[in-house]
Protein backbone atom coordinates (compact mmCIF):
# COMPACT_ATOMS: atom_id res chain seq x y z
CA MET A 1 -4.89 -21.64 -4.53
CA THR A 2 -5.84 -22.64 -1.02
CA TYR A 3 -7.55 -25.97 -0.43
CA ASN A 4 -9.60 -27.35 2.45
CA LYS A 5 -9.22 -30.89 3.85
CA SER A 6 -11.42 -32.40 1.14
CA LYS A 7 -9.18 -30.83 -1.56
CA GLU A 8 -11.76 -28.25 -2.61
CA VAL A 9 -10.48 -24.87 -3.72
CA ILE A 10 -11.58 -22.31 -1.16
CA MET A 11 -9.70 -19.22 -2.28
CA LYS A 12 -7.26 -17.90 -4.85
CA VAL A 13 -3.77 -16.93 -3.73
CA ALA A 14 -1.63 -14.10 -5.13
CA ALA A 15 1.80 -12.76 -4.31
CA ILE A 16 1.94 -9.01 -3.80
CA SER A 17 4.00 -8.58 -6.97
CA GLU A 18 1.44 -10.52 -9.01
CA LEU A 19 -1.43 -8.58 -7.43
CA LYS A 20 0.23 -5.28 -8.38
CA ALA A 21 0.80 -6.45 -11.96
CA LYS A 22 -2.72 -7.85 -12.44
CA LEU A 23 -4.83 -5.78 -10.05
CA ALA A 24 -7.77 -5.29 -12.44
CA ARG A 25 -8.03 -9.06 -12.93
CA TYR A 26 -8.11 -9.69 -9.18
CA ILE A 27 -10.68 -6.94 -8.64
CA ARG A 28 -12.92 -8.66 -11.20
CA LEU A 29 -12.51 -11.97 -9.35
CA VAL A 30 -13.43 -10.32 -6.06
CA LYS A 31 -16.44 -8.56 -7.59
CA SER A 32 -17.64 -11.93 -8.88
CA GLY A 33 -17.57 -13.35 -5.34
CA GLU A 34 -14.08 -14.87 -5.03
CA ASP A 35 -11.78 -14.11 -2.11
CA VAL A 36 -8.05 -13.70 -2.74
CA GLU A 37 -5.38 -14.47 -0.16
CA ILE A 38 -2.44 -12.10 -0.54
CA ARG A 39 1.01 -13.39 0.34
CA GLU A 40 4.36 -11.73 0.86
CA ARG A 41 7.26 -14.14 0.28
CA GLY A 42 4.85 -17.05 0.69
CA VAL A 43 3.42 -15.81 4.00
CA PRO A 44 -0.29 -14.83 4.07
CA VAL A 45 -0.65 -11.14 4.97
CA ALA A 46 -4.19 -10.18 3.89
CA ILE A 47 -7.40 -11.30 2.26
CA LEU A 48 -8.97 -9.28 -0.54
CA THR A 49 -12.72 -9.67 -0.34
CA ALA A 50 -15.73 -7.85 -1.76
CA ILE A 51 -17.90 -5.52 0.27
CA ARG A 52 -21.15 -7.44 0.54
CA SER A 53 -23.30 -4.62 1.92
CA GLU A 54 -22.94 -1.11 3.27
CA SER A 55 -22.96 -2.54 6.80
CA ASP A 56 -19.64 -4.27 5.98
CA VAL A 57 -17.98 -0.86 5.80
CA ALA A 58 -17.11 0.97 9.00
CA ILE A 59 -16.45 4.68 8.60
CA THR A 60 -14.83 6.34 11.58
CA SER A 61 -14.29 10.01 12.19
CA PRO A 62 -10.72 11.24 12.62
CA ARG A 63 -9.54 11.51 16.23
CA LYS A 64 -8.34 15.04 15.66
CA SER A 65 -9.45 17.77 13.32
CA PRO A 66 -7.21 18.25 10.26
CA SER A 67 -6.85 21.89 11.33
CA SER A 68 -4.92 20.66 14.40
CA LEU A 69 -2.01 19.97 12.03
CA ALA A 70 -1.58 23.73 11.52
CA LYS A 71 0.56 23.96 14.67
CA TYR A 72 3.25 21.85 12.98
CA SER A 73 5.80 23.44 10.70
CA PHE A 74 6.75 21.40 7.65
CA SER A 75 9.77 23.01 6.04
CA THR A 76 10.65 21.82 2.56
CA LYS A 77 13.99 23.63 2.53
CA PRO A 78 16.83 22.02 4.45
CA LYS A 79 18.59 24.33 6.91
CA ILE A 80 22.21 24.16 5.77
CA LYS A 81 24.97 26.73 6.14
CA PHE A 82 26.80 26.18 2.87
CA ASP A 83 26.13 26.51 -0.83
CA VAL A 84 25.57 23.07 -2.34
CA VAL A 85 26.17 24.28 -5.90
CA GLU A 86 29.44 25.89 -4.89
CA MET A 87 30.61 22.65 -3.25
CA LEU A 88 29.62 20.68 -6.35
CA LEU A 89 31.56 23.02 -8.63
CA GLU A 90 34.62 22.80 -6.34
CA ASP A 91 34.43 19.01 -6.41
CA ARG A 92 34.18 18.96 -10.21
CA ALA A 93 37.15 21.35 -10.52
CA LYS A 94 39.31 18.91 -8.52
CA ARG A 95 38.75 16.12 -11.05
């Protein structure tokens, strides 16, 4: 928990690992009006807070159209000039 100078609790604190393990619990806290400070190795990195109104959310358009990605080639097959299975079998035969 985080305290102000008069020792009042101002916000809950959670480590990232705890937040991952108990996300639903923290979402309920946030929905009920609490803010949660998220820490990584004891260092504050973010604050989880509820959206109070639609004006709190900023939606921006992408800078480029998704179709602009078509010019890029994403190969899933590596370009190698040897047979991996053959090398594996050779290695196993040596043992």
